[in-house]
Amino acid sequence: MKMIILAAVAAFAVAPGVALAGTPGSSNGVTQKMTGKAAASYSDAVFGDTTCNETQHPKFDTVSCTLSSANVGLAGTSGTVGWYSDFDNSKLGTFAYTVSADGLSYYGQATYTH
């Protein structure tokens, strides 16, 4: 799963996962998907109860999440936070996100330092 770090707030959600090696190719080729019934669901201290679809690419992940209730404090905002991949929770990176105007979802791209 992932850890989100926003300012001094850290949220942890841990679940077992299988780490698969990325395949060589362009940065936009899909390596694997975690969507639909396989989407990651957890309670996040920043965003609240969330369900995230994540698609792994060789150099980044795309993420789209829905919230069980609106987070009006973050509605319409964008930012960056620390992010652990749902595919390999030892893989720390940066997630550039945008929260929807109604505060019911967020999406973005995670890039990793290693």
PDB file of N, CA and C in Angstrom:
ATOM      1  N   MET A   1       0.832  -1.163   0.000  1.00  0.00           N
ATOM      2  CA  MET A   1       0.000   0.000   0.000  1.00  0.00           C
ATOM      3  C   MET A   1       0.886   1.238   0.000  1.00  0.00           C
ATOM      4  N   LYS A   2       0.435   2.340   0.407  1.00  0.00           N
ATOM      5  CA  LYS A   2       1.230   3.545   0.307  1.00  0.00           C
ATOM      6  C   LYS A   2       1.214   4.341   1.602  1.00  0.00           C
ATOM      7  N   MET A   3       2.167   5.215   1.727  1.00  0.00           N
ATOM      8  CA  MET A   3       2.175   6.137   2.842  1.00  0.00           C
ATOM      9  C   MET A   3       2.136   7.536   2.266  1.00  0.00           C
ATOM     10  N   ILE A   4       1.290   8.356   2.771  1.00  0.00           N
ATOM     11  CA  ILE A   4       1.208   9.738   2.322  1.00  0.00           C
ATOM     12  C   ILE A   4       1.764  10.625   3.414  1.00  0.00           C
ATOM     13  N   ILE A   5       2.633  11.544   3.038  1.00  0.00           N
ATOM     14  CA  ILE A   5       3.199  12.487   3.992  1.00  0.00           C
ATOM     15  C   ILE A   5       2.790  13.878   3.539  1.00  0.00           C
ATOM     16  N   LEU A   6       2.021  14.587   4.326  1.00  0.00           N
ATOM     17  CA  LEU A   6       1.571  15.933   3.990  1.00  0.00           C
ATOM     18  C   LEU A   6       1.988  16.827   5.131  1.00  0.00           C
ATOM     19  N   ALA A   7       2.952  17.735   4.864  1.00  0.00           N
ATOM     20  CA  ALA A   7       3.548  18.573   5.899  1.00  0.00           C
ATOM     21  C   ALA A   7       4.091  17.652   6.987  1.00  0.00           C
ATOM     22  N   ALA A   8       3.635  17.808   8.217  1.00  0.00           N
ATOM     23  CA  ALA A   8       4.119  16.953   9.296  1.00  0.00           C
ATOM     24  C   ALA A   8       3.177  15.794   9.572  1.00  0.00           C
ATOM     25  N   VAL A   9       2.176  15.611   8.720  1.00  0.00           N
ATOM     26  CA  VAL A   9       1.197  14.542   8.911  1.00  0.00           C
ATOM     27  C   VAL A   9       1.631  13.323   8.141  1.00  0.00           C
ATOM     28  N   ALA A  10       1.707  12.179   8.785  1.00  0.00           N
ATOM     29  CA  ALA A  10       2.053  10.931   8.102  1.00  0.00           C
ATOM     30  C   ALA A  10       0.907   9.952   8.275  1.00  0.00           C
ATOM     31  N   ALA A  11       0.558   9.291   7.197  1.00  0.00           N
ATOM     32  CA  ALA A  11      -0.514   8.295   7.252  1.00  0.00           C
ATOM     33  C   ALA A  11       0.033   6.965   6.773  1.00  0.00           C
ATOM     34  N   PHE A  12      -0.218   5.914   7.528  1.00  0.00           N
ATOM     35  CA  PHE A  12       0.265   4.596   7.157  1.00  0.00           C
ATOM     36  C   PHE A  12      -0.900   3.669   6.873  1.00  0.00           C
ATOM     37  N   ALA A  13      -0.755   2.891   5.830  1.00  0.00           N
ATOM     38  CA  ALA A  13      -1.704   1.826   5.519  1.00  0.00           C
ATOM     39  C   ALA A  13      -0.871   0.667   4.996  1.00  0.00           C
ATOM     40  N   VAL A  14      -0.911  -0.460   5.677  1.00  0.00           N
ATOM     41  CA  VAL A  14      -0.047  -1.569   5.309  1.00  0.00           C
ATOM     42  C   VAL A  14      -0.896  -2.769   4.906  1.00  0.00           C
ATOM     43  N   ALA A  15      -0.547  -3.349   3.790  1.00  0.00           N
ATOM     44  CA  ALA A  15      -1.213  -4.561   3.333  1.00  0.00           C
ATOM     45  C   ALA A  15      -0.205  -5.390   2.572  1.00  0.00           C
ATOM     46  N   PRO A  16      -0.347  -6.704   2.594  1.00  0.00           N
ATOM     47  CA  PRO A  16       0.590  -7.529   1.840  1.00  0.00           C
ATOM     48  C   PRO A  16       0.426  -7.276   0.355  1.00  0.00           C
ATOM     49  N   GLY A  17       1.516  -7.383  -0.361  1.00  0.00           N
ATOM     50  CA  GLY A  17       1.457  -7.149  -1.799  1.00  0.00           C
ATOM     51  C   GLY A  17       2.545  -7.935  -2.490  1.00  0.00           C
ATOM     52  N   VAL A  18       2.402  -8.079  -3.757  1.00  0.00           N
ATOM     53  CA  VAL A  18       3.388  -8.773  -4.565  1.00  0.00           C
ATOM     54  C   VAL A  18       4.131  -7.744  -5.382  1.00  0.00           C
ATOM     55  N   ALA A  19       5.439  -7.735  -5.289  1.00  0.00           N
ATOM     56  CA  ALA A  19       6.248  -6.809  -6.059  1.00  0.00           C
ATOM     57  C   ALA A  19       6.734  -7.517  -7.312  1.00  0.00           C
ATOM     58  N   LEU A  20       6.381  -6.988  -8.459  1.00  0.00           N
ATOM     59  CA  LEU A  20       6.824  -7.554  -9.725  1.00  0.00           C
ATOM     60  C   LEU A  20       7.836  -6.622 -10.365  1.00  0.00           C
ATOM     61  N   ALA A  21       8.841  -7.185 -10.974  1.00  0.00           N
ATOM     62  CA  ALA A  21       9.845  -6.356 -11.636  1.00  0.00           C
ATOM     63  C   ALA A  21       9.226  -5.689 -12.842  1.00  0.00           C
ATOM     64  N   GLY A  22       9.558  -4.419 -13.046  1.00  0.00           N
ATOM     65  CA  GLY A  22       9.075  -3.702 -14.220  1.00  0.00           C
ATOM     66  C   GLY A  22       9.716  -4.251 -15.481  1.00  0.00           C
ATOM     67  N   THR A  23       9.005  -4.171 -16.562  1.00  0.00           N
ATOM     68  CA  THR A  23       9.558  -4.635 -17.825  1.00  0.00           C
ATOM     69  C   THR A  23      10.172  -3.474 -18.574  1.00  0.00           C
ATOM     70  N   PRO A  24      11.236  -3.700 -19.325  1.00  0.00           N
ATOM     71  CA  PRO A  24      11.844  -2.615 -20.078  1.00  0.00           C
ATOM     72  C   PRO A  24      10.861  -2.069 -21.109  1.00  0.00           C
ATOM     73  N   GLY A  25      11.013  -0.813 -21.439  1.00  0.00           N
ATOM     74  CA  GLY A  25      10.155  -0.213 -22.448  1.00  0.00           C
ATOM     75  C   GLY A  25      10.033   1.272 -22.235  1.00  0.00           C
ATOM     76  N   SER A  26       9.123   1.883 -22.947  1.00  0.00           N
ATOM     77  CA  SER A  26       8.946   3.328 -22.815  1.00  0.00           C
ATOM     78  C   SER A  26       8.341   3.660 -21.464  1.00  0.00           C
ATOM     79  N   SER A  27       8.404   4.922 -21.086  1.00  0.00           N
ATOM     80  CA  SER A  27       7.912   5.336 -19.786  1.00  0.00           C
ATOM     81  C   SER A  27       6.396   5.309 -19.700  1.00  0.00           C
ATOM     82  N   ASN A  28       5.689   5.160 -20.827  1.00  0.00           N
ATOM     83  CA  ASN A  28       4.237   5.156 -20.752  1.00  0.00           C
ATOM     84  C   ASN A  28       3.624   3.790 -21.003  1.00  0.00           C
ATOM     85  N   GLY A  29       4.414   2.744 -21.166  1.00  0.00           N
ATOM     86  CA  GLY A  29       3.875   1.392 -21.314  1.00  0.00           C
ATOM     87  C   GLY A  29       3.352   0.896 -19.982  1.00  0.00           C
ATOM     88  N   VAL A  30       2.249   0.161 -19.984  1.00  0.00           N
ATOM     89  CA  VAL A  30       1.656  -0.348 -18.748  1.00  0.00           C
ATOM     90  C   VAL A  30       2.353  -1.636 -18.340  1.00  0.00           C
ATOM     91  N   THR A  31       2.811  -1.711 -17.093  1.00  0.00           N
ATOM     92  CA  THR A  31       3.425  -2.910 -16.539  1.00  0.00           C
ATOM     93  C   THR A  31       2.369  -3.774 -15.859  1.00  0.00           C
ATOM     94  N   GLN A  32       1.524  -3.158 -15.021  1.00  0.00           N
ATOM     95  CA  GLN A  32       0.438  -3.869 -14.360  1.00  0.00           C
ATOM     96  C   GLN A  32      -0.579  -2.867 -13.838  1.00  0.00           C
ATOM     97  N   LYS A  33      -1.786  -3.357 -13.534  1.00  0.00           N
ATOM     98  CA  LYS A  33      -2.847  -2.493 -13.039  1.00  0.00           C
ATOM     99  C   LYS A  33      -3.423  -3.045 -11.751  1.00  0.00           C
ATOM    100  N   MET A  34      -3.817  -2.151 -10.871  1.00  0.00           N
ATOM    101  CA  MET A  34      -4.521  -2.482  -9.647  1.00  0.00           C
ATOM    102  C   MET A  34      -5.811  -1.673  -9.698  1.00  0.00           C
ATOM    103  N   THR A  35      -6.862  -2.238 -10.302  1.00  0.00           N
ATOM    104  CA  THR A  35      -8.103  -1.512 -10.532  1.00  0.00           C
ATOM    105  C   THR A  35      -9.312  -2.380 -10.195  1.00  0.00           C
ATOM    106  N   GLY A  36     -10.470  -1.778 -10.220  1.00  0.00           N
ATOM    107  CA  GLY A  36     -11.711  -2.511  -9.992  1.00  0.00           C
ATOM    108  C   GLY A  36     -11.713  -3.237  -8.665  1.00  0.00           C
ATOM    109  N   LYS A  37     -11.979  -4.544  -8.678  1.00  0.00           N
ATOM    110  CA  LYS A  37     -12.020  -5.336  -7.449  1.00  0.00           C
ATOM    111  C   LYS A  37     -10.660  -5.418  -6.775  1.00  0.00           C
ATOM    112  N   ALA A  38      -9.586  -5.225  -7.533  1.00  0.00           N
ATOM    113  CA  ALA A  38      -8.234  -5.281  -6.972  1.00  0.00           C
ATOM    114  C   ALA A  38      -7.734  -3.914  -6.508  1.00  0.00           C
ATOM    115  N   ALA A  39      -8.572  -2.875  -6.588  1.00  0.00           N
ATOM    116  CA  ALA A  39      -8.167  -1.537  -6.155  1.00  0.00           C
ATOM    117  C   ALA A  39      -7.813  -1.555  -4.670  1.00  0.00           C
ATOM    118  N   ALA A  40      -6.899  -0.703  -4.279  1.00  0.00           N
ATOM    119  CA  ALA A  40      -6.463  -0.611  -2.885  1.00  0.00           C
ATOM    120  C   ALA A  40      -7.452   0.246  -2.099  1.00  0.00           C
ATOM    121  N   SER A  41      -8.006  -0.292  -1.017  1.00  0.00           N
ATOM    122  CA  SER A  41      -8.932   0.451  -0.151  1.00  0.00           C
ATOM    123  C   SER A  41      -8.338   0.543   1.243  1.00  0.00           C
ATOM    124  N   TYR A  42      -8.362   1.737   1.825  1.00  0.00           N
ATOM    125  CA  TYR A  42      -7.806   1.937   3.157  1.00  0.00           C
ATOM    126  C   TYR A  42      -8.295   3.261   3.710  1.00  0.00           C
ATOM    127  N   SER A  43      -8.063   3.474   4.992  1.00  0.00           N
ATOM    128  CA  SER A  43      -8.395   4.737   5.633  1.00  0.00           C
ATOM    129  C   SER A  43      -7.133   5.579   5.719  1.00  0.00           C
ATOM    130  N   ASP A  44      -7.136   6.692   5.039  1.00  0.00           N
ATOM    131  CA  ASP A  44      -5.981   7.583   4.992  1.00  0.00           C
ATOM    132  C   ASP A  44      -6.198   8.756   5.949  1.00  0.00           C
ATOM    133  N   ALA A  45      -5.205   9.079   6.750  1.00  0.00           N
ATOM    134  CA  ALA A  45      -5.336  10.149   7.737  1.00  0.00           C
ATOM    135  C   ALA A  45      -5.498  11.525   7.093  1.00  0.00           C
ATOM    136  N   VAL A  46      -5.056  11.695   5.865  1.00  0.00           N
ATOM    137  CA  VAL A  46      -5.179  12.978   5.176  1.00  0.00           C
ATOM    138  C   VAL A  46      -6.478  13.045   4.380  1.00  0.00           C
ATOM    139  N   PHE A  47      -6.733  12.049   3.537  1.00  0.00           N
ATOM    140  CA  PHE A  47      -7.881  12.086   2.632  1.00  0.00           C
ATOM    141  C   PHE A  47      -9.126  11.392   3.187  1.00  0.00           C
ATOM    142  N   GLY A  48      -8.989  10.529   4.170  1.00  0.00           N
ATOM    143  CA  GLY A  48     -10.119   9.769   4.695  1.00  0.00           C
ATOM    144  C   GLY A  48     -10.207   8.403   4.042  1.00  0.00           C
ATOM    145  N   ASP A  49     -11.377   7.749   4.168  1.00  0.00           N
ATOM    146  CA  ASP A  49     -11.568   6.430   3.563  1.00  0.00           C
ATOM    147  C   ASP A  49     -11.505   6.557   2.045  1.00  0.00           C
ATOM    148  N   THR A  50     -10.601   5.798   1.436  1.00  0.00           N
ATOM    149  CA  THR A  50     -10.333   5.956   0.015  1.00  0.00           C
ATOM    150  C   THR A  50     -10.181   4.609  -0.680  1.00  0.00           C
ATOM    151  N   THR A  51     -10.499   4.593  -1.958  1.00  0.00           N
ATOM    152  CA  THR A  51     -10.260   3.436  -2.815  1.00  0.00           C
ATOM    153  C   THR A  51      -9.481   3.939  -4.017  1.00  0.00           C
ATOM    154  N   CYS A  52      -8.309   3.354  -4.255  1.00  0.00           N
ATOM    155  CA  CYS A  52      -7.423   3.844  -5.311  1.00  0.00           C
ATOM    156  C   CYS A  52      -7.174   2.810  -6.397  1.00  0.00           C
ATOM    157  N   ASN A  53      -7.318   3.249  -7.629  1.00  0.00           N
ATOM    158  CA  ASN A  53      -6.886   2.487  -8.801  1.00  0.00           C
ATOM    159  C   ASN A  53      -5.492   3.000  -9.137  1.00  0.00           C
ATOM    160  N   GLU A  54      -4.562   2.095  -9.346  1.00  0.00           N
ATOM    161  CA  GLU A  54      -3.191   2.502  -9.662  1.00  0.00           C
ATOM    162  C   GLU A  54      -2.700   1.678 -10.846  1.00  0.00           C
ATOM    163  N   THR A  55      -2.068   2.352 -11.785  1.00  0.00           N
ATOM    164  CA  THR A  55      -1.503   1.687 -12.959  1.00  0.00           C
ATOM    165  C   THR A  55      -0.011   1.915 -12.946  1.00  0.00           C
ATOM    166  N   GLN A  56       0.742   0.831 -13.013  1.00  0.00           N
ATOM    167  CA  GLN A  56       2.202   0.905 -12.950  1.00  0.00           C
ATOM    168  C   GLN A  56       2.780   1.008 -14.360  1.00  0.00           C
ATOM    169  N   HIS A  57       3.705   1.918 -14.517  1.00  0.00           N
ATOM    170  CA  HIS A  57       4.472   2.100 -15.746  1.00  0.00           C
ATOM    171  C   HIS A  57       5.937   1.908 -15.373  1.00  0.00           C
ATOM    172  N   PRO A  58       6.830   1.704 -16.322  1.00  0.00           N
ATOM    173  CA  PRO A  58       8.234   1.501 -15.968  1.00  0.00           C
ATOM    174  C   PRO A  58       8.856   2.642 -15.156  1.00  0.00           C
ATOM    175  N   LYS A  59       8.416   3.889 -15.380  1.00  0.00           N
ATOM    176  CA  LYS A  59       9.056   5.011 -14.695  1.00  0.00           C
ATOM    177  C   LYS A  59       8.143   5.780 -13.759  1.00  0.00           C
ATOM    178  N   PHE A  60       6.840   5.473 -13.726  1.00  0.00           N
ATOM    179  CA  PHE A  60       5.907   6.190 -12.877  1.00  0.00           C
ATOM    180  C   PHE A  60       4.645   5.362 -12.696  1.00  0.00           C
ATOM    181  N   ASP A  61       3.792   5.781 -11.762  1.00  0.00           N
ATOM    182  CA  ASP A  61       2.472   5.189 -11.572  1.00  0.00           C
ATOM    183  C   ASP A  61       1.423   6.285 -11.743  1.00  0.00           C
ATOM    184  N   THR A  62       0.289   5.943 -12.334  1.00  0.00           N
ATOM    185  CA  THR A  62      -0.840   6.862 -12.360  1.00  0.00           C
ATOM    186  C   THR A  62      -1.843   6.373 -11.325  1.00  0.00           C
ATOM    187  N   VAL A  63      -2.472   7.320 -10.629  1.00  0.00           N
ATOM    188  CA  VAL A  63      -3.333   6.998  -9.507  1.00  0.00           C
ATOM    189  C   VAL A  63      -4.628   7.791  -9.633  1.00  0.00           C
ATOM    190  N   SER A  64      -5.752   7.120  -9.378  1.00  0.00           N
ATOM    191  CA  SER A  64      -7.063   7.756  -9.362  1.00  0.00           C
ATOM    192  C   SER A  64      -7.826   7.189  -8.173  1.00  0.00           C
ATOM    193  N   CYS A  65      -8.258   8.050  -7.253  1.00  0.00           N
ATOM    194  CA  CYS A  65      -8.884   7.594  -6.018  1.00  0.00           C
ATOM    195  C   CYS A  65     -10.247   8.244  -5.800  1.00  0.00           C
ATOM    196  N   THR A  66     -11.139   7.502  -5.167  1.00  0.00           N
ATOM    197  CA  THR A  66     -12.421   8.049  -4.749  1.00  0.00           C
ATOM    198  C   THR A  66     -12.500   7.983  -3.232  1.00  0.00           C
ATOM    199  N   LEU A  67     -13.210   8.935  -2.651  1.00  0.00           N
ATOM    200  CA  LEU A  67     -13.355   9.012  -1.206  1.00  0.00           C
ATOM    201  C   LEU A  67     -14.774   8.632  -0.818  1.00  0.00           C
ATOM    202  N   SER A  68     -14.942   8.030   0.353  1.00  0.00           N
ATOM    203  CA  SER A  68     -16.283   7.634   0.795  1.00  0.00           C
ATOM    204  C   SER A  68     -17.109   8.842   1.218  1.00  0.00           C
ATOM    205  N   SER A  69     -16.450   9.945   1.583  1.00  0.00           N
ATOM    206  CA  SER A  69     -17.137  11.203   1.880  1.00  0.00           C
ATOM    207  C   SER A  69     -16.229  12.353   1.462  1.00  0.00           C
ATOM    208  N   ALA A  70     -16.838  13.491   1.179  1.00  0.00           N
ATOM    209  CA  ALA A  70     -16.081  14.640   0.666  1.00  0.00           C
ATOM    210  C   ALA A  70     -15.067  15.152   1.690  1.00  0.00           C
ATOM    211  N   ASN A  71     -13.874  15.473   1.211  1.00  0.00           N
ATOM    212  CA  ASN A  71     -12.862  16.138   2.027  1.00  0.00           C
ATOM    213  C   ASN A  71     -12.884  17.606   1.586  1.00  0.00           C
ATOM    214  N   VAL A  72     -13.791  18.384   2.196  1.00  0.00           N
ATOM    215  CA  VAL A  72     -13.995  19.764   1.760  1.00  0.00           C
ATOM    216  C   VAL A  72     -12.778  20.647   2.019  1.00  0.00           C
ATOM    217  N   GLY A  73     -11.953  20.280   2.994  1.00  0.00           N
ATOM    218  CA  GLY A  73     -10.756  21.065   3.286  1.00  0.00           C
ATOM    219  C   GLY A  73      -9.727  21.014   2.165  1.00  0.00           C
ATOM    220  N   LEU A  74      -9.726  19.939   1.383  1.00  0.00           N
ATOM    221  CA  LEU A  74      -8.773  19.809   0.282  1.00  0.00           C
ATOM    222  C   LEU A  74      -9.430  19.982  -1.087  1.00  0.00           C
ATOM    223  N   ALA A  75     -10.742  20.180  -1.144  1.00  0.00           N
ATOM    224  CA  ALA A  75     -11.475  20.276  -2.410  1.00  0.00           C
ATOM    225  C   ALA A  75     -10.850  21.329  -3.330  1.00  0.00           C
ATOM    226  N   GLY A  76     -10.596  20.935  -4.572  1.00  0.00           N
ATOM    227  CA  GLY A  76     -10.070  21.851  -5.579  1.00  0.00           C
ATOM    228  C   GLY A  76      -8.598  22.181  -5.458  1.00  0.00           C
ATOM    229  N   THR A  77      -7.873  21.525  -4.561  1.00  0.00           N
ATOM    230  CA  THR A  77      -6.458  21.846  -4.380  1.00  0.00           C
ATOM    231  C   THR A  77      -5.559  20.882  -5.150  1.00  0.00           C
ATOM    232  N   SER A  78      -4.328  21.306  -5.349  1.00  0.00           N
ATOM    233  CA  SER A  78      -3.290  20.473  -5.944  1.00  0.00           C
ATOM    234  C   SER A  78      -2.068  20.545  -5.049  1.00  0.00           C
ATOM    235  N   GLY A  79      -1.220  19.550  -5.148  1.00  0.00           N
ATOM    236  CA  GLY A  79      -0.010  19.557  -4.344  1.00  0.00           C
ATOM    237  C   GLY A  79       0.841  18.340  -4.615  1.00  0.00           C
ATOM    238  N   THR A  80       1.852  18.161  -3.805  1.00  0.00           N
ATOM    239  CA  THR A  80       2.710  16.987  -3.882  1.00  0.00           C
ATOM    240  C   THR A  80       2.888  16.428  -2.478  1.00  0.00           C
ATOM    241  N   VAL A  81       2.971  15.113  -2.412  1.00  0.00           N
ATOM    242  CA  VAL A  81       3.183  14.422  -1.141  1.00  0.00           C
ATOM    243  C   VAL A  81       4.110  13.249  -1.383  1.00  0.00           C
ATOM    244  N   GLY A  82       4.719  12.744  -0.321  1.00  0.00           N
ATOM    245  CA  GLY A  82       5.480  11.501  -0.408  1.00  0.00           C
ATOM    246  C   GLY A  82       4.521  10.360  -0.676  1.00  0.00           C
ATOM    247  N   TRP A  83       4.951   9.363  -1.435  1.00  0.00           N
ATOM    248  CA  TRP A  83       4.034   8.299  -1.865  1.00  0.00           C
ATOM    249  C   TRP A  83       4.772   6.973  -1.971  1.00  0.00           C
ATOM    250  N   TYR A  84       4.225   5.940  -1.364  1.00  0.00           N
ATOM    251  CA  TYR A  84       4.728   4.584  -1.545  1.00  0.00           C
ATOM    252  C   TYR A  84       3.851   3.869  -2.559  1.00  0.00           C
ATOM    253  N   SER A  85       4.453   3.179  -3.486  1.00  0.00           N
ATOM    254  CA  SER A  85       3.740   2.439  -4.518  1.00  0.00           C
ATOM    255  C   SER A  85       2.868   1.352  -3.915  1.00  0.00           C
ATOM    256  N   ASP A  86       1.661   1.161  -4.470  1.00  0.00           N
ATOM    257  CA  ASP A  86       0.819   0.042  -4.064  1.00  0.00           C
ATOM    258  C   ASP A  86       1.401  -1.281  -4.535  1.00  0.00           C
ATOM    259  N   PHE A  87       2.239  -1.252  -5.536  1.00  0.00           N
ATOM    260  CA  PHE A  87       2.821  -2.468  -6.092  1.00  0.00           C
ATOM    261  C   PHE A  87       4.061  -2.912  -5.329  1.00  0.00           C
ATOM    262  N   ASP A  88       4.803  -1.992  -4.772  1.00  0.00           N
ATOM    263  CA  ASP A  88       6.037  -2.286  -4.044  1.00  0.00           C
ATOM    264  C   ASP A  88       6.178  -1.230  -2.965  1.00  0.00           C
ATOM    265  N   ASN A  89       5.698  -1.528  -1.743  1.00  0.00           N
ATOM    266  CA  ASN A  89       5.660  -0.493  -0.716  1.00  0.00           C
ATOM    267  C   ASN A  89       7.026  -0.100  -0.166  1.00  0.00           C
ATOM    268  N   SER A  90       8.107  -0.602  -0.745  1.00  0.00           N
ATOM    269  CA  SER A  90       9.435  -0.100  -0.380  1.00  0.00           C
ATOM    270  C   SER A  90       9.874   0.990  -1.367  1.00  0.00           C
ATOM    271  N   LYS A  91       9.063   1.223  -2.378  1.00  0.00           N
ATOM    272  CA  LYS A  91       9.376   2.168  -3.452  1.00  0.00           C
ATOM    273  C   LYS A  91       8.764   3.532  -3.122  1.00  0.00           C
ATOM    274  N   LEU A  92       9.580   4.441  -2.564  1.00  0.00           N
ATOM    275  CA  LEU A  92       9.128   5.772  -2.161  1.00  0.00           C
ATOM    276  C   LEU A  92       9.333   6.767  -3.297  1.00  0.00           C
ATOM    277  N   GLY A  93       8.351   7.614  -3.497  1.00  0.00           N
ATOM    278  CA  GLY A  93       8.455   8.644  -4.523  1.00  0.00           C
ATOM    279  C   GLY A  93       7.662   9.870  -4.150  1.00  0.00           C
ATOM    280  N   THR A  94       7.326  10.652  -5.153  1.00  0.00           N
ATOM    281  CA  THR A  94       6.551  11.866  -4.983  1.00  0.00           C
ATOM    282  C   THR A  94       5.293  11.755  -5.811  1.00  0.00           C
ATOM    283  N   PHE A  95       4.170  12.085  -5.222  1.00  0.00           N
ATOM    284  CA  PHE A  95       2.874  12.035  -5.886  1.00  0.00           C
ATOM    285  C   PHE A  95       2.376  13.458  -6.099  1.00  0.00           C
ATOM    286  N   ALA A  96       2.229  13.864  -7.360  1.00  0.00           N
ATOM    287  CA  ALA A  96       1.640  15.153  -7.703  1.00  0.00           C
ATOM    288  C   ALA A  96       0.151  14.902  -7.906  1.00  0.00           C
ATOM    289  N   TYR A  97      -0.694  15.507  -7.052  1.00  0.00           N
ATOM    290  CA  TYR A  97      -2.121  15.206  -7.058  1.00  0.00           C
ATOM    291  C   TYR A  97      -2.975  16.451  -7.277  1.00  0.00           C
ATOM    292  N   THR A  98      -4.214  16.207  -7.687  1.00  0.00           N
ATOM    293  CA  THR A  98      -5.246  17.229  -7.775  1.00  0.00           C
ATOM    294  C   THR A  98      -6.515  16.639  -7.169  1.00  0.00           C
ATOM    295  N   VAL A  99      -7.128  17.376  -6.253  1.00  0.00           N
ATOM    296  CA  VAL A  99      -8.378  16.954  -5.633  1.00  0.00           C
ATOM    297  C   VAL A  99      -9.522  17.581  -6.426  1.00  0.00           C
ATOM    298  N   SER A 100     -10.583  16.819  -6.658  1.00  0.00           N
ATOM    299  CA  SER A 100     -11.734  17.327  -7.408  1.00  0.00           C
ATOM    300  C   SER A 100     -12.387  18.501  -6.677  1.00  0.00           C
ATOM    301  N   ALA A 101     -13.134  19.316  -7.413  1.00  0.00           N
ATOM    302  CA  ALA A 101     -13.792  20.492  -6.844  1.00  0.00           C
ATOM    303  C   ALA A 101     -14.790  20.120  -5.748  1.00  0.00           C
ATOM    304  N   ASP A 102     -15.389  18.935  -5.833  1.00  0.00           N
ATOM    305  CA  ASP A 102     -16.347  18.516  -4.805  1.00  0.00           C
ATOM    306  C   ASP A 102     -15.678  17.770  -3.649  1.00  0.00           C
ATOM    307  N   GLY A 103     -14.371  17.536  -3.724  1.00  0.00           N
ATOM    308  CA  GLY A 103     -13.638  16.865  -2.647  1.00  0.00           C
ATOM    309  C   GLY A 103     -13.905  15.384  -2.536  1.00  0.00           C
ATOM    310  N   LEU A 104     -14.489  14.774  -3.566  1.00  0.00           N
ATOM    311  CA  LEU A 104     -14.835  13.350  -3.518  1.00  0.00           C
ATOM    312  C   LEU A 104     -13.826  12.438  -4.207  1.00  0.00           C
ATOM    313  N   SER A 105     -12.797  13.010  -4.822  1.00  0.00           N
ATOM    314  CA  SER A 105     -11.802  12.187  -5.503  1.00  0.00           C
ATOM    315  C   SER A 105     -10.507  12.965  -5.671  1.00  0.00           C
ATOM    316  N   TYR A 106      -9.449  12.241  -5.986  1.00  0.00           N
ATOM    317  CA  TYR A 106      -8.180  12.866  -6.347  1.00  0.00           C
ATOM    318  C   TYR A 106      -7.455  11.963  -7.313  1.00  0.00           C
ATOM    319  N   TYR A 107      -6.555  12.542  -8.081  1.00  0.00           N
ATOM    320  CA  TYR A 107      -5.806  11.790  -9.081  1.00  0.00           C
ATOM    321  C   TYR A 107      -4.448  12.438  -9.251  1.00  0.00           C
ATOM    322  N   GLY A 108      -3.544  11.705  -9.885  1.00  0.00           N
ATOM    323  CA  GLY A 108      -2.226  12.264 -10.141  1.00  0.00           C
ATOM    324  C   GLY A 108      -1.247  11.216 -10.607  1.00  0.00           C
ATOM    325  N   GLN A 109       0.030  11.595 -10.556  1.00  0.00           N
ATOM    326  CA  GLN A 109       1.106  10.725 -11.013  1.00  0.00           C
ATOM    327  C   GLN A 109       2.184  10.648  -9.948  1.00  0.00           C
ATOM    328  N   ALA A 110       2.608   9.428  -9.667  1.00  0.00           N
ATOM    329  CA  ALA A 110       3.685   9.188  -8.710  1.00  0.00           C
ATOM    330  C   ALA A 110       4.957   8.849  -9.474  1.00  0.00           C
ATOM    331  N   THR A 111       6.028   9.518  -9.140  1.00  0.00           N
ATOM    332  CA  THR A 111       7.346   9.211  -9.710  1.00  0.00           C
ATOM    333  C   THR A 111       8.247   8.799  -8.540  1.00  0.00           C
ATOM    334  N   TYR A 112       9.194   7.920  -8.834  1.00  0.00           N
ATOM    335  CA  TYR A 112       9.993   7.309  -7.776  1.00  0.00           C
ATOM    336  C   TYR A 112      11.466   7.647  -7.920  1.00  0.00           C
ATOM    337  N   THR A 113      12.131   7.786  -6.772  1.00  0.00           N
ATOM    338  CA  THR A 113      13.548   8.128  -6.768  1.00  0.00           C
ATOM    339  C   THR A 113      14.429   6.925  -7.053  1.00  0.00           C
ATOM    340  N   HIS A 114      13.940   5.743  -6.772  1.00  0.00           N
ATOM    341  CA  HIS A 114      14.693   4.506  -7.066  1.00  0.00           C
ATOM    342  C   HIS A 114      13.794   3.303  -7.043  1.00  0.00           C
TER     343      HIS A 114
END
